[in-house]
Amino acid sequence: RQLLEAFRTTLEDLRSDPAVRVVLIHSLVPGIFCAGADLKERAA
């Protein structure tokens, strides 16, 4: 939930910023881009 909320808020900021030309999405965690939905959160 927290990552998703931050992601959507950031996208809204980028959408309205005319100075943004190109957006790159990458991982700061070695060995993984994204494991998908958080199944531990979903289990609850």
Full PDB file with SEQRES, HELIX, SHEET, SSBOND, CRYST1, ORIGX, SCALE, CONECT and MASTER records, all heavy atoms in Angstrom:
SEQRES   1 A   44  ARG GLN LEU LEU GLU ALA PHE ARG THR THR LEU GLU ASP          
SEQRES   2 A   44  LEU ARG SER ASP PRO ALA VAL ARG VAL VAL LEU ILE HIS          
SEQRES   3 A   44  SER LEU VAL PRO GLY ILE PHE CYS ALA GLY ALA ASP LEU          
SEQRES   4 A   44  LYS GLU ARG ALA ALA                                          
HELIX    1 AA1 GLN A    2  ARG A   15  1                                  14    
HELIX    2 AA2 LEU A   39  ALA A   43  1                                   5    
CRYST1    1.000    1.000    1.000  90.00  90.00  90.00 P 1           1          
ORIGX1      1.000000  0.000000  0.000000        0.00000                         
ORIGX2      0.000000  1.000000  0.000000        0.00000                         
ORIGX3      0.000000  0.000000  1.000000        0.00000                         
SCALE1      1.000000  0.000000  0.000000        0.00000                         
SCALE2      0.000000  1.000000  0.000000        0.00000                         
SCALE3      0.000000  0.000000  1.000000        0.00000                         
ATOM      1  N   ARG A   1       0.821  -1.219   0.000  1.00  0.00           N  
ATOM      2  CA  ARG A   1       0.000   0.000   0.000  1.00  0.00           C  
ATOM      3  C   ARG A   1       0.852   1.265   0.000  1.00  0.00           C  
ATOM      4  O   ARG A   1       0.564   2.221  -0.718  1.00  0.00           O  
ATOM      5  CB  ARG A   1      -0.926  -0.018   1.219  1.00  0.00           C  
ATOM      6  CG  ARG A   1      -2.116  -0.970   1.105  1.00  0.00           C  
ATOM      7  CD  ARG A   1      -3.089  -0.694   2.229  1.00  0.00           C  
ATOM      8  NE  ARG A   1      -4.324  -1.442   2.105  1.00  0.00           N  
ATOM      9  CZ  ARG A   1      -4.623  -2.525   2.820  1.00  0.00           C  
ATOM     10  NH1 ARG A   1      -3.720  -2.993   3.683  1.00  0.00           N  
ATOM     11  NH2 ARG A   1      -5.778  -3.142   2.664  1.00  0.00           N  
ATOM     12  N   GLN A   2       1.896   1.289   0.825  1.00  0.00           N  
ATOM     13  CA  GLN A   2       2.706   2.497   0.946  1.00  0.00           C  
ATOM     14  C   GLN A   2       3.447   2.806  -0.351  1.00  0.00           C  
ATOM     15  O   GLN A   2       3.468   3.955  -0.808  1.00  0.00           O  
ATOM     16  CB  GLN A   2       3.705   2.331   2.093  1.00  0.00           C  
ATOM     17  CG  GLN A   2       4.549   3.570   2.357  1.00  0.00           C  
ATOM     18  CD  GLN A   2       5.404   3.441   3.606  1.00  0.00           C  
ATOM     19  OE1 GLN A   2       4.925   3.024   4.656  1.00  0.00           O  
ATOM     20  NE2 GLN A   2       6.684   3.792   3.486  1.00  0.00           N  
ATOM     21  N   LEU A   3       4.059   1.787  -0.956  1.00  0.00           N  
ATOM     22  CA  LEU A   3       4.771   1.992  -2.216  1.00  0.00           C  
ATOM     23  C   LEU A   3       3.806   2.430  -3.310  1.00  0.00           C  
ATOM     24  O   LEU A   3       4.099   3.338  -4.096  1.00  0.00           O  
ATOM     25  CB  LEU A   3       5.506   0.720  -2.626  1.00  0.00           C  
ATOM     26  CG  LEU A   3       6.201   0.727  -3.997  1.00  0.00           C  
ATOM     27  CD1 LEU A   3       7.147   1.908  -4.133  1.00  0.00           C  
ATOM     28  CD2 LEU A   3       6.931  -0.586  -4.228  1.00  0.00           C  
ATOM     29  N   LEU A   4       2.653   1.787  -3.357  1.00  0.00           N  
ATOM     30  CA  LEU A   4       1.677   2.118  -4.399  1.00  0.00           C  
ATOM     31  C   LEU A   4       1.188   3.555  -4.251  1.00  0.00           C  
ATOM     32  O   LEU A   4       1.054   4.283  -5.248  1.00  0.00           O  
ATOM     33  CB  LEU A   4       0.506   1.144  -4.341  1.00  0.00           C  
ATOM     34  CG  LEU A   4      -0.497   1.246  -5.483  1.00  0.00           C  
ATOM     35  CD1 LEU A   4       0.163   0.892  -6.811  1.00  0.00           C  
ATOM     36  CD2 LEU A   4      -1.689   0.324  -5.234  1.00  0.00           C  
ATOM     37  N   GLU A   5       0.939   3.983  -3.024  1.00  0.00           N  
ATOM     38  CA  GLU A   5       0.480   5.353  -2.797  1.00  0.00           C  
ATOM     39  C   GLU A   5       1.548   6.360  -3.230  1.00  0.00           C  
ATOM     40  O   GLU A   5       1.238   7.364  -3.896  1.00  0.00           O  
ATOM     41  CB  GLU A   5       0.141   5.556  -1.318  1.00  0.00           C  
ATOM     42  CG  GLU A   5      -0.369   6.950  -0.993  1.00  0.00           C  
ATOM     43  CD  GLU A   5      -0.728   7.132   0.474  1.00  0.00           C  
ATOM     44  OE1 GLU A   5      -0.666   6.145   1.234  1.00  0.00           O  
ATOM     45  OE2 GLU A   5      -1.065   8.272   0.850  1.00  0.00           O  
ATOM     46  N   ALA A   6       2.807   6.080  -2.876  1.00  0.00           N  
ATOM     47  CA  ALA A   6       3.896   6.975  -3.275  1.00  0.00           C  
ATOM     48  C   ALA A   6       4.047   7.015  -4.787  1.00  0.00           C  
ATOM     49  O   ALA A   6       4.297   8.065  -5.377  1.00  0.00           O  
ATOM     50  CB  ALA A   6       5.199   6.522  -2.614  1.00  0.00           C  
ATOM     51  N   PHE A   7       3.886   5.855  -5.418  1.00  0.00           N  
ATOM     52  CA  PHE A   7       4.019   5.753  -6.866  1.00  0.00           C  
ATOM     53  C   PHE A   7       2.943   6.594  -7.559  1.00  0.00           C  
ATOM     54  O   PHE A   7       3.245   7.381  -8.466  1.00  0.00           O  
ATOM     55  CB  PHE A   7       3.923   4.282  -7.277  1.00  0.00           C  
ATOM     56  CG  PHE A   7       4.195   4.020  -8.728  1.00  0.00           C  
ATOM     57  CD1 PHE A   7       5.479   4.123  -9.241  1.00  0.00           C  
ATOM     58  CD2 PHE A   7       3.171   3.639  -9.590  1.00  0.00           C  
ATOM     59  CE1 PHE A   7       5.735   3.875 -10.580  1.00  0.00           C  
ATOM     60  CE2 PHE A   7       3.413   3.387 -10.927  1.00  0.00           C  
ATOM     61  CZ  PHE A   7       4.709   3.501 -11.421  1.00  0.00           C  
ATOM     62  N   ARG A   8       1.704   6.462  -7.123  1.00  0.00           N  
ATOM     63  CA  ARG A   8       0.610   7.186  -7.775  1.00  0.00           C  
ATOM     64  C   ARG A   8       0.715   8.694  -7.543  1.00  0.00           C  
ATOM     65  O   ARG A   8       0.434   9.490  -8.454  1.00  0.00           O  
ATOM     66  CB  ARG A   8      -0.739   6.664  -7.282  1.00  0.00           C  
ATOM     67  CG  ARG A   8      -0.991   5.209  -7.621  1.00  0.00           C  
ATOM     68  CD  ARG A   8      -2.397   4.755  -7.288  1.00  0.00           C  
ATOM     69  NE  ARG A   8      -3.372   5.294  -8.226  1.00  0.00           N  
ATOM     70  CZ  ARG A   8      -4.683   5.014  -8.156  1.00  0.00           C  
ATOM     71  NH1 ARG A   8      -5.139   4.215  -7.199  1.00  0.00           N  
ATOM     72  NH2 ARG A   8      -5.515   5.524  -9.033  1.00  0.00           N  
ATOM     73  N   THR A   9       1.130   9.089  -6.336  1.00  0.00           N  
ATOM     74  CA  THR A   9       1.314  10.511  -6.054  1.00  0.00           C  
ATOM     75  C   THR A   9       2.397  11.100  -6.943  1.00  0.00           C  
ATOM     76  O   THR A   9       2.249  12.208  -7.489  1.00  0.00           O  
ATOM     77  CB  THR A   9       1.672  10.718  -4.576  1.00  0.00           C  
ATOM     78  OG1 THR A   9       0.605  10.234  -3.755  1.00  0.00           O  
ATOM     79  CG2 THR A   9       1.910  12.188  -4.274  1.00  0.00           C  
ATOM     80  N   THR A  10       3.483  10.343  -7.126  1.00  0.00           N  
ATOM     81  CA  THR A  10       4.581  10.811  -7.965  1.00  0.00           C  
ATOM     82  C   THR A  10       4.147  10.924  -9.419  1.00  0.00           C  
ATOM     83  O   THR A  10       4.491  11.897 -10.110  1.00  0.00           O  
ATOM     84  CB  THR A  10       5.780   9.855  -7.845  1.00  0.00           C  
ATOM     85  OG1 THR A  10       6.211   9.818  -6.481  1.00  0.00           O  
ATOM     86  CG2 THR A  10       6.934  10.314  -8.727  1.00  0.00           C  
ATOM     87  N   LEU A  11       3.392   9.945  -9.910  1.00  0.00           N  
ATOM     88  CA  LEU A  11       2.912  10.014 -11.285  1.00  0.00           C  
ATOM     89  C   LEU A  11       2.058  11.255 -11.516  1.00  0.00           C  
ATOM     90  O   LEU A  11       2.162  11.901 -12.566  1.00  0.00           O  
ATOM     91  CB  LEU A  11       2.103   8.755 -11.633  1.00  0.00           C  
ATOM     92  CG  LEU A  11       2.849   7.431 -11.693  1.00  0.00           C  
ATOM     93  CD1 LEU A  11       1.893   6.312 -12.104  1.00  0.00           C  
ATOM     94  CD2 LEU A  11       4.026   7.492 -12.648  1.00  0.00           C  
ATOM     95  N   GLU A  12       1.232  11.597 -10.541  1.00  0.00           N  
ATOM     96  CA  GLU A  12       0.394  12.789 -10.679  1.00  0.00           C  
ATOM     97  C   GLU A  12       1.259  14.046 -10.746  1.00  0.00           C  
ATOM     98  O   GLU A  12       0.988  14.959 -11.537  1.00  0.00           O  
ATOM     99  CB  GLU A  12      -0.581  12.881  -9.495  1.00  0.00           C  
ATOM    100  CG  GLU A  12      -1.577  14.028  -9.598  1.00  0.00           C  
ATOM    101  CD  GLU A  12      -2.452  13.944 -10.843  1.00  0.00           C  
ATOM    102  OE1 GLU A  12      -2.758  12.828 -11.308  1.00  0.00           O  
ATOM    103  OE2 GLU A  12      -2.822  15.021 -11.368  1.00  0.00           O  
ATOM    104  N   ASP A  13       2.315  14.095  -9.942  1.00  0.00           N  
ATOM    105  CA  ASP A  13       3.229  15.235  -9.986  1.00  0.00           C  
ATOM    106  C   ASP A  13       3.923  15.331 -11.351  1.00  0.00           C  
ATOM    107  O   ASP A  13       4.057  16.422 -11.917  1.00  0.00           O  
ATOM    108  CB  ASP A  13       4.283  15.120  -8.889  1.00  0.00           C  
ATOM    109  CG  ASP A  13       3.698  15.276  -7.490  1.00  0.00           C  
ATOM    110  OD1 ASP A  13       2.591  15.836  -7.368  1.00  0.00           O  
ATOM    111  OD2 ASP A  13       4.356  14.836  -6.526  1.00  0.00           O  
ATOM    112  N   LEU A  14       4.371  14.204 -11.866  1.00  0.00           N  
ATOM    113  CA  LEU A  14       5.077  14.190 -13.145  1.00  0.00           C  
ATOM    114  C   LEU A  14       4.149  14.597 -14.291  1.00  0.00           C  
ATOM    115  O   LEU A  14       4.561  15.312 -15.210  1.00  0.00           O  
ATOM    116  CB  LEU A  14       5.655  12.796 -13.424  1.00  0.00           C  
ATOM    117  CG  LEU A  14       6.728  12.305 -12.449  1.00  0.00           C  
ATOM    118  CD1 LEU A  14       7.111  10.871 -12.792  1.00  0.00           C  
ATOM    119  CD2 LEU A  14       7.950  13.205 -12.485  1.00  0.00           C  
ATOM    120  N   ARG A  15       2.914  14.142 -14.228  1.00  0.00           N  
ATOM    121  CA  ARG A  15       1.961  14.425 -15.304  1.00  0.00           C  
ATOM    122  C   ARG A  15       1.785  15.934 -15.508  1.00  0.00           C  
ATOM    123  O   ARG A  15       1.657  16.394 -16.644  1.00  0.00           O  
ATOM    124  CB  ARG A  15       0.608  13.788 -14.962  1.00  0.00           C  
ATOM    125  CG  ARG A  15      -0.516  14.120 -15.948  1.00  0.00           C  
ATOM    126  CD  ARG A  15      -1.819  13.498 -15.520  1.00  0.00           C  
ATOM    127  NE  ARG A  15      -1.708  12.054 -15.528  1.00  0.00           N  
ATOM    128  CZ  ARG A  15      -1.837  11.300 -16.630  1.00  0.00           C  
ATOM    129  NH1 ARG A  15      -2.076  11.876 -17.790  1.00  0.00           N  
ATOM    130  NH2 ARG A  15      -1.736   9.995 -16.556  1.00  0.00           N  
ATOM    131  N   SER A  16       1.798  16.675 -14.428  1.00  0.00           N  
ATOM    132  CA  SER A  16       1.510  18.104 -14.510  1.00  0.00           C  
ATOM    133  C   SER A  16       2.763  18.963 -14.597  1.00  0.00           C  
ATOM    134  O   SER A  16       2.668  20.186 -14.516  1.00  0.00           O  
ATOM    135  CB  SER A  16       0.673  18.532 -13.294  1.00  0.00           C  
ATOM    136  OG  SER A  16       1.363  18.237 -12.082  1.00  0.00           O  
ATOM    137  N   ASP A  17       3.926  18.346 -14.757  1.00  0.00           N  
ATOM    138  CA  ASP A  17       5.188  19.092 -14.792  1.00  0.00           C  
ATOM    139  C   ASP A  17       5.712  19.169 -16.224  1.00  0.00           C  
ATOM    140  O   ASP A  17       6.228  18.192 -16.756  1.00  0.00           O  
ATOM    141  CB  ASP A  17       6.221  18.402 -13.895  1.00  0.00           C  
ATOM    142  CG  ASP A  17       7.487  19.226 -13.718  1.00  0.00           C  
ATOM    143  OD1 ASP A  17       7.696  20.171 -14.507  1.00  0.00           O  
ATOM    144  OD2 ASP A  17       8.266  18.925 -12.801  1.00  0.00           O  
ATOM    145  N   PRO A  18       5.617  20.331 -16.876  1.00  0.00           N  
ATOM    146  CA  PRO A  18       6.038  20.436 -18.280  1.00  0.00           C  
ATOM    147  C   PRO A  18       7.543  20.301 -18.468  1.00  0.00           C  
ATOM    148  O   PRO A  18       8.015  20.104 -19.594  1.00  0.00           O  
ATOM    149  CB  PRO A  18       5.561  21.829 -18.692  1.00  0.00           C  
ATOM    150  CG  PRO A  18       5.485  22.600 -17.408  1.00  0.00           C  
ATOM    151  CD  PRO A  18       5.091  21.602 -16.356  1.00  0.00           C  
ATOM    152  N   ALA A  19       8.314  20.399 -17.387  1.00  0.00           N  
ATOM    153  CA  ALA A  19       9.771  20.286 -17.508  1.00  0.00           C  
ATOM    154  C   ALA A  19      10.232  18.834 -17.626  1.00  0.00           C  
ATOM    155  O   ALA A  19      11.373  18.582 -18.005  1.00  0.00           O  
ATOM    156  CB  ALA A  19      10.446  20.943 -16.307  1.00  0.00           C  
ATOM    157  N   VAL A  20       9.357  17.889 -17.316  1.00  0.00           N  
ATOM    158  CA  VAL A  20       9.729  16.471 -17.367  1.00  0.00           C  
ATOM    159  C   VAL A  20       9.619  15.982 -18.804  1.00  0.00           C  
ATOM    160  O   VAL A  20       8.550  16.051 -19.417  1.00  0.00           O  
ATOM    161  CB  VAL A  20       8.837  15.626 -16.437  1.00  0.00           C  
ATOM    162  CG1 VAL A  20       9.204  14.153 -16.545  1.00  0.00           C  
ATOM    163  CG2 VAL A  20       8.976  16.098 -15.000  1.00  0.00           C  
ATOM    164  N   ARG A  21      10.713  15.460 -19.337  1.00  0.00           N  
ATOM    165  CA  ARG A  21      10.756  15.022 -20.733  1.00  0.00           C  
ATOM    166  C   ARG A  21      10.711  13.501 -20.871  1.00  0.00           C  
ATOM    167  O   ARG A  21      10.081  12.970 -21.773  1.00  0.00           O  
ATOM    168  CB  ARG A  21      12.024  15.546 -21.410  1.00  0.00           C  
ATOM    169  CG  ARG A  21      12.219  17.062 -21.351  1.00  0.00           C  
ATOM    170  CD  ARG A  21      11.308  17.801 -22.308  1.00  0.00           C  
ATOM    171  NE  ARG A  21      11.566  19.232 -22.321  1.00  0.00           N  
ATOM    172  CZ  ARG A  21      12.466  19.821 -23.100  1.00  0.00           C  
ATOM    173  NH1 ARG A  21      13.213  19.115 -23.932  1.00  0.00           N  
ATOM    174  NH2 ARG A  21      12.630  21.128 -23.056  1.00  0.00           N  
ATOM    175  N   VAL A  22      11.427  12.786 -19.986  1.00  0.00           N  
ATOM    176  CA  VAL A  22      11.505  11.322 -20.052  1.00  0.00           C  
ATOM    177  C   VAL A  22      11.547  10.787 -18.624  1.00  0.00           C  
ATOM    178  O   VAL A  22      12.221  11.366 -17.762  1.00  0.00           O  
ATOM    179  CB  VAL A  22      12.762  10.833 -20.814  1.00  0.00           C  
ATOM    180  CG1 VAL A  22      12.690   9.318 -21.039  1.00  0.00           C  
ATOM    181  CG2 VAL A  22      12.943  11.567 -22.128  1.00  0.00           C  
ATOM    182  N   VAL A  23      10.853   9.683 -18.369  1.00  0.00           N  
ATOM    183  CA  VAL A  23      10.819   9.070 -17.041  1.00  0.00           C  
ATOM    184  C   VAL A  23      11.367   7.652 -17.119  1.00  0.00           C  
ATOM    185  O   VAL A  23      10.957   6.867 -17.986  1.00  0.00           O  
ATOM    186  CB  VAL A  23       9.381   9.046 -16.482  1.00  0.00           C  
ATOM    187  CG1 VAL A  23       9.329   8.306 -15.141  1.00  0.00           C  
ATOM    188  CG2 VAL A  23       8.837  10.461 -16.322  1.00  0.00           C  
ATOM    189  N   LEU A  24      12.294   7.329 -16.224  1.00  0.00           N  
ATOM    190  CA  LEU A  24      12.865   5.985 -16.132  1.00  0.00           C  
ATOM    191  C   LEU A  24      12.474   5.371 -14.794  1.00  0.00           C  
ATOM    192  O   LEU A  24      12.603   6.009 -13.740  1.00  0.00           O  
ATOM    193  CB  LEU A  24      14.396   6.019 -16.221  1.00  0.00           C  
ATOM    194  CG  LEU A  24      15.032   6.080 -17.614  1.00  0.00           C  
ATOM    195  CD1 LEU A  24      14.661   7.362 -18.334  1.00  0.00           C  
ATOM    196  CD2 LEU A  24      16.543   5.940 -17.505  1.00  0.00           C  
ATOM    197  N   ILE A  25      12.002   4.124 -14.828  1.00  0.00           N  
ATOM    198  CA  ILE A  25      11.652   3.390 -13.614  1.00  0.00           C  
ATOM    199  C   ILE A  25      12.665   2.274 -13.446  1.00  0.00           C  
ATOM    200  O   ILE A  25      12.839   1.436 -14.344  1.00  0.00           O  
ATOM    201  CB  ILE A  25      10.231   2.802 -13.717  1.00  0.00           C  
ATOM    202  CG1 ILE A  25       9.229   3.913 -14.010  1.00  0.00           C  
ATOM    203  CG2 ILE A  25       9.853   2.073 -12.433  1.00  0.00           C  
ATOM    204  CD1 ILE A  25       7.921   3.420 -14.576  1.00  0.00           C  
ATOM    205  N   HIS A  26      13.341   2.263 -12.317  1.00  0.00           N  
ATOM    206  CA  HIS A  26      14.373   1.258 -12.091  1.00  0.00           C  
ATOM    207  C   HIS A  26      14.328   0.821 -10.635  1.00  0.00           C  
ATOM    208  O   HIS A  26      13.507   1.295  -9.846  1.00  0.00           O  
ATOM    209  CB  HIS A  26      15.760   1.808 -12.454  1.00  0.00           C  
ATOM    210  CG  HIS A  26      16.253   2.886 -11.523  1.00  0.00           C  
ATOM    211  ND1 HIS A  26      17.409   2.767 -10.804  1.00  0.00           N  
ATOM    212  CD2 HIS A  26      15.731   4.110 -11.180  1.00  0.00           C  
ATOM    213  CE1 HIS A  26      17.604   3.857 -10.080  1.00  0.00           C  
ATOM    214  NE2 HIS A  26      16.599   4.687 -10.295  1.00  0.00           N  
ATOM    215  N   SER A  27      15.192  -0.104 -10.285  1.00  0.00           N  
ATOM    216  CA  SER A  27      15.246  -0.612  -8.921  1.00  0.00           C  
ATOM    217  C   SER A  27      16.535  -0.189  -8.256  1.00  0.00           C  
ATOM    218  O   SER A  27      17.608  -0.227  -8.861  1.00  0.00           O  
ATOM    219  CB  SER A  27      15.147  -2.139  -8.920  1.00  0.00           C  
ATOM    220  OG  SER A  27      15.404  -2.646  -7.620  1.00  0.00           O  
ATOM    221  N   LEU A  28      16.435   0.202  -6.993  1.00  0.00           N  
ATOM    222  CA  LEU A  28      17.609   0.491  -6.179  1.00  0.00           C  
ATOM    223  C   LEU A  28      18.018  -0.711  -5.338  1.00  0.00           C  
ATOM    224  O   LEU A  28      18.978  -0.634  -4.577  1.00  0.00           O  
ATOM    225  CB  LEU A  28      17.321   1.693  -5.271  1.00  0.00           C  
ATOM    226  CG  LEU A  28      17.074   3.018  -6.008  1.00  0.00           C  
ATOM    227  CD1 LEU A  28      16.554   4.082  -5.048  1.00  0.00           C  
ATOM    228  CD2 LEU A  28      18.334   3.493  -6.698  1.00  0.00           C  
ATOM    229  N   VAL A  29      17.288  -1.818  -5.500  1.00  0.00           N  
ATOM    230  CA  VAL A  29      17.557  -3.042  -4.737  1.00  0.00           C  
ATOM    231  C   VAL A  29      18.262  -4.037  -5.646  1.00  0.00           C  
ATOM    232  O   VAL A  29      17.698  -4.443  -6.669  1.00  0.00           O  
ATOM    233  CB  VAL A  29      16.252  -3.658  -4.192  1.00  0.00           C  
ATOM    234  CG1 VAL A  29      16.550  -4.929  -3.396  1.00  0.00           C  
ATOM    235  CG2 VAL A  29      15.505  -2.639  -3.336  1.00  0.00           C  
ATOM    236  N   PRO A  30      19.468  -4.456  -5.330  1.00  0.00           N  
ATOM    237  CA  PRO A  30      20.193  -5.395  -6.203  1.00  0.00           C  
ATOM    238  C   PRO A  30      19.439  -6.708  -6.388  1.00  0.00           C  
ATOM    239  O   PRO A  30      18.838  -7.238  -5.450  1.00  0.00           O  
ATOM    240  CB  PRO A  30      21.516  -5.622  -5.449  1.00  0.00           C  
ATOM    241  CG  PRO A  30      21.674  -4.415  -4.575  1.00  0.00           C  
ATOM    242  CD  PRO A  30      20.284  -4.032  -4.172  1.00  0.00           C  
ATOM    243  N   GLY A  31      19.456  -7.207  -7.627  1.00  0.00           N  
ATOM    244  CA  GLY A  31      18.916  -8.530  -7.915  1.00  0.00           C  
ATOM    245  C   GLY A  31      17.427  -8.619  -8.126  1.00  0.00           C  
ATOM    246  O   GLY A  31      16.899  -9.710  -8.374  1.00  0.00           O  
ATOM    247  N   ILE A  32      16.724  -7.497  -8.058  1.00  0.00           N  
ATOM    248  CA  ILE A  32      15.269  -7.542  -8.237  1.00  0.00           C  
ATOM    249  C   ILE A  32      14.789  -6.228  -8.846  1.00  0.00           C  
ATOM    250  O   ILE A  32      15.283  -5.149  -8.494  1.00  0.00           O  
ATOM    251  CB  ILE A  32      14.545  -7.795  -6.885  1.00  0.00           C  
ATOM    252  CG1 ILE A  32      13.047  -8.140  -7.107  1.00  0.00           C  
ATOM    253  CG2 ILE A  32      14.708  -6.623  -5.943  1.00  0.00           C  
ATOM    254  CD1 ILE A  32      12.796  -9.498  -7.670  1.00  0.00           C  
ATOM    255  N   PHE A  33      13.869  -6.320  -9.793  1.00  0.00           N  
ATOM    256  CA  PHE A  33      13.162  -5.133 -10.258  1.00  0.00           C  
ATOM    257  C   PHE A  33      11.927  -4.961  -9.394  1.00  0.00           C  
ATOM    258  O   PHE A  33      11.787  -3.981  -8.669  1.00  0.00           O  
ATOM    259  CB  PHE A  33      12.797  -5.259 -11.735  1.00  0.00           C  
ATOM    260  CG  PHE A  33      11.926  -4.136 -12.238  1.00  0.00           C  
ATOM    261  CD1 PHE A  33      12.435  -2.854 -12.370  1.00  0.00           C  
ATOM    262  CD2 PHE A  33      10.596  -4.365 -12.567  1.00  0.00           C  
ATOM    263  CE1 PHE A  33      11.635  -1.800 -12.815  1.00  0.00           C  
ATOM    264  CE2 PHE A  33       9.780  -3.322 -13.023  1.00  0.00           C  
ATOM    265  CZ  PHE A  33      10.304  -2.046 -13.146  1.00  0.00           C  
ATOM    266  N   CYS A  34      11.045  -5.933  -9.437  1.00  0.00           N  
ATOM    267  CA  CYS A  34       9.849  -5.898  -8.593  1.00  0.00           C  
ATOM    268  C   CYS A  34       9.270  -7.309  -8.531  1.00  0.00           C  
ATOM    269  O   CYS A  34       9.065  -7.948  -9.563  1.00  0.00           O  
ATOM    270  CB  CYS A  34       8.827  -4.915  -9.148  1.00  0.00           C  
ATOM    271  SG  CYS A  34       7.269  -4.872  -8.236  1.00  0.00           S  
ATOM    272  N   ALA A  35       8.997  -7.771  -7.307  1.00  0.00           N  
ATOM    273  CA  ALA A  35       8.489  -9.127  -7.110  1.00  0.00           C  
ATOM    274  C   ALA A  35       6.984  -9.228  -7.313  1.00  0.00           C  
ATOM    275  O   ALA A  35       6.416 -10.317  -7.176  1.00  0.00           O  
ATOM    276  CB  ALA A  35       8.859  -9.617  -5.712  1.00  0.00           C  
ATOM    277  N   GLY A  36       6.331  -8.119  -7.617  1.00  0.00           N  
ATOM    278  CA  GLY A  36       4.889  -8.151  -7.834  1.00  0.00           C  
ATOM    279  C   GLY A  36       4.136  -7.600  -6.642  1.00  0.00           C  
ATOM    280  O   GLY A  36       4.675  -6.860  -5.822  1.00  0.00           O  
ATOM    281  N   ALA A  37       2.874  -7.959  -6.536  1.00  0.00           N  
ATOM    282  CA  ALA A  37       2.056  -7.498  -5.416  1.00  0.00           C  
ATOM    283  C   ALA A  37       2.577  -8.089  -4.110  1.00  0.00           C  
ATOM    284  O   ALA A  37       3.145  -9.185  -4.090  1.00  0.00           O  
ATOM    285  CB  ALA A  37       0.597  -7.887  -5.627  1.00  0.00           C  
ATOM    286  N   ASP A  38       2.373  -7.370  -3.026  1.00  0.00           N  
ATOM    287  CA  ASP A  38       2.806  -7.838  -1.709  1.00  0.00           C  
ATOM    288  C   ASP A  38       1.804  -8.887  -1.211  1.00  0.00           C  
ATOM    289  O   ASP A  38       0.740  -8.541  -0.685  1.00  0.00           O  
ATOM    290  CB  ASP A  38       2.890  -6.659  -0.740  1.00  0.00           C  
ATOM    291  CG  ASP A  38       3.552  -7.027   0.576  1.00  0.00           C  
ATOM    292  OD1 ASP A  38       3.422  -8.190   1.003  1.00  0.00           O  
ATOM    293  OD2 ASP A  38       4.213  -6.159   1.165  1.00  0.00           O  
ATOM    294  N   LEU A  39       2.160 -10.152  -1.355  1.00  0.00           N  
ATOM    295  CA  LEU A  39       1.234 -11.234  -0.995  1.00  0.00           C  
ATOM    296  C   LEU A  39       1.052 -11.352   0.506  1.00  0.00           C  
ATOM    297  O   LEU A  39       0.020 -11.840   0.975  1.00  0.00           O  
ATOM    298  CB  LEU A  39       1.732 -12.554  -1.589  1.00  0.00           C  
ATOM    299  CG  LEU A  39       1.796 -12.596  -3.123  1.00  0.00           C  
ATOM    300  CD1 LEU A  39       2.239 -13.977  -3.604  1.00  0.00           C  
ATOM    301  CD2 LEU A  39       0.468 -12.210  -3.751  1.00  0.00           C  
ATOM    302  N   LYS A  40       2.048 -10.923   1.282  1.00  0.00           N  
ATOM    303  CA  LYS A  40       1.890 -10.951   2.742  1.00  0.00           C  
ATOM    304  C   LYS A  40       0.819  -9.961   3.176  1.00  0.00           C  
ATOM    305  O   LYS A  40      -0.010 -10.264   4.037  1.00  0.00           O  
ATOM    306  CB  LYS A  40       3.218 -10.640   3.421  1.00  0.00           C  
ATOM    307  CG  LYS A  40       4.261 -11.744   3.277  1.00  0.00           C  
ATOM    308  CD  LYS A  40       5.527 -11.404   4.036  1.00  0.00           C  
ATOM    309  CE  LYS A  40       6.555 -12.535   3.891  1.00  0.00           C  
ATOM    310  NZ  LYS A  40       7.824 -12.210   4.610  1.00  0.00           N  
ATOM    311  N   GLU A  41       0.828  -8.774   2.579  1.00  0.00           N  
ATOM    312  CA  GLU A  41      -0.227  -7.804   2.871  1.00  0.00           C  
ATOM    313  C   GLU A  41      -1.573  -8.331   2.401  1.00  0.00           C  
ATOM    314  O   GLU A  41      -2.574  -8.221   3.107  1.00  0.00           O  
ATOM    315  CB  GLU A  41       0.064  -6.468   2.187  1.00  0.00           C  
ATOM    316  CG  GLU A  41       0.991  -5.555   2.953  1.00  0.00           C  
ATOM    317  CD  GLU A  41       0.998  -4.148   2.391  1.00  0.00           C  
ATOM    318  OE1 GLU A  41       0.089  -3.789   1.607  1.00  0.00           O  
ATOM    319  OE2 GLU A  41       1.921  -3.392   2.736  1.00  0.00           O  
ATOM    320  N   ARG A  42      -1.575  -8.927   1.211  1.00  0.00           N  
ATOM    321  CA  ARG A  42      -2.835  -9.388   0.636  1.00  0.00           C  
ATOM    322  C   ARG A  42      -3.444 -10.522   1.456  1.00  0.00           C  
ATOM    323  O   ARG A  42      -4.667 -10.650   1.539  1.00  0.00           O  
ATOM    324  CB  ARG A  42      -2.635  -9.833  -0.813  1.00  0.00           C  
ATOM    325  CG  ARG A  42      -3.946 -10.123  -1.523  1.00  0.00           C  
ATOM    326  CD  ARG A  42      -3.729 -10.557  -2.956  1.00  0.00           C  
ATOM    327  NE  ARG A  42      -3.153  -9.516  -3.770  1.00  0.00           N  
ATOM    328  CZ  ARG A  42      -2.910  -9.653  -5.072  1.00  0.00           C  
ATOM    329  NH1 ARG A  42      -3.181 -10.794  -5.686  1.00  0.00           N  
ATOM    330  NH2 ARG A  42      -2.401  -8.659  -5.754  1.00  0.00           N  
ATOM    331  N   ALA A  43      -2.618 -11.360   2.065  1.00  0.00           N  
ATOM    332  CA  ALA A  43      -3.126 -12.491   2.844  1.00  0.00           C  
ATOM    333  C   ALA A  43      -3.986 -12.041   4.016  1.00  0.00           C  
ATOM    334  O   ALA A  43      -4.863 -12.771   4.475  1.00  0.00           O  
ATOM    335  CB  ALA A  43      -1.962 -13.349   3.342  1.00  0.00           C  
ATOM    336  N   ALA A  44      -3.753 -10.813   4.493  1.00  0.00           N  
ATOM    337  CA  ALA A  44      -4.525 -10.299   5.626  1.00  0.00           C  
ATOM    338  C   ALA A  44      -5.769  -9.535   5.182  1.00  0.00           C  
ATOM    339  O   ALA A  44      -6.529  -9.048   6.027  1.00  0.00           O  
ATOM    340  CB  ALA A  44      -3.633  -9.395   6.480  1.00  0.00           C  
TER     341      ALA A  44                                                      
MASTER        0    0    0    2    0    0    0    6  340    1    0    4          
END                                                                             
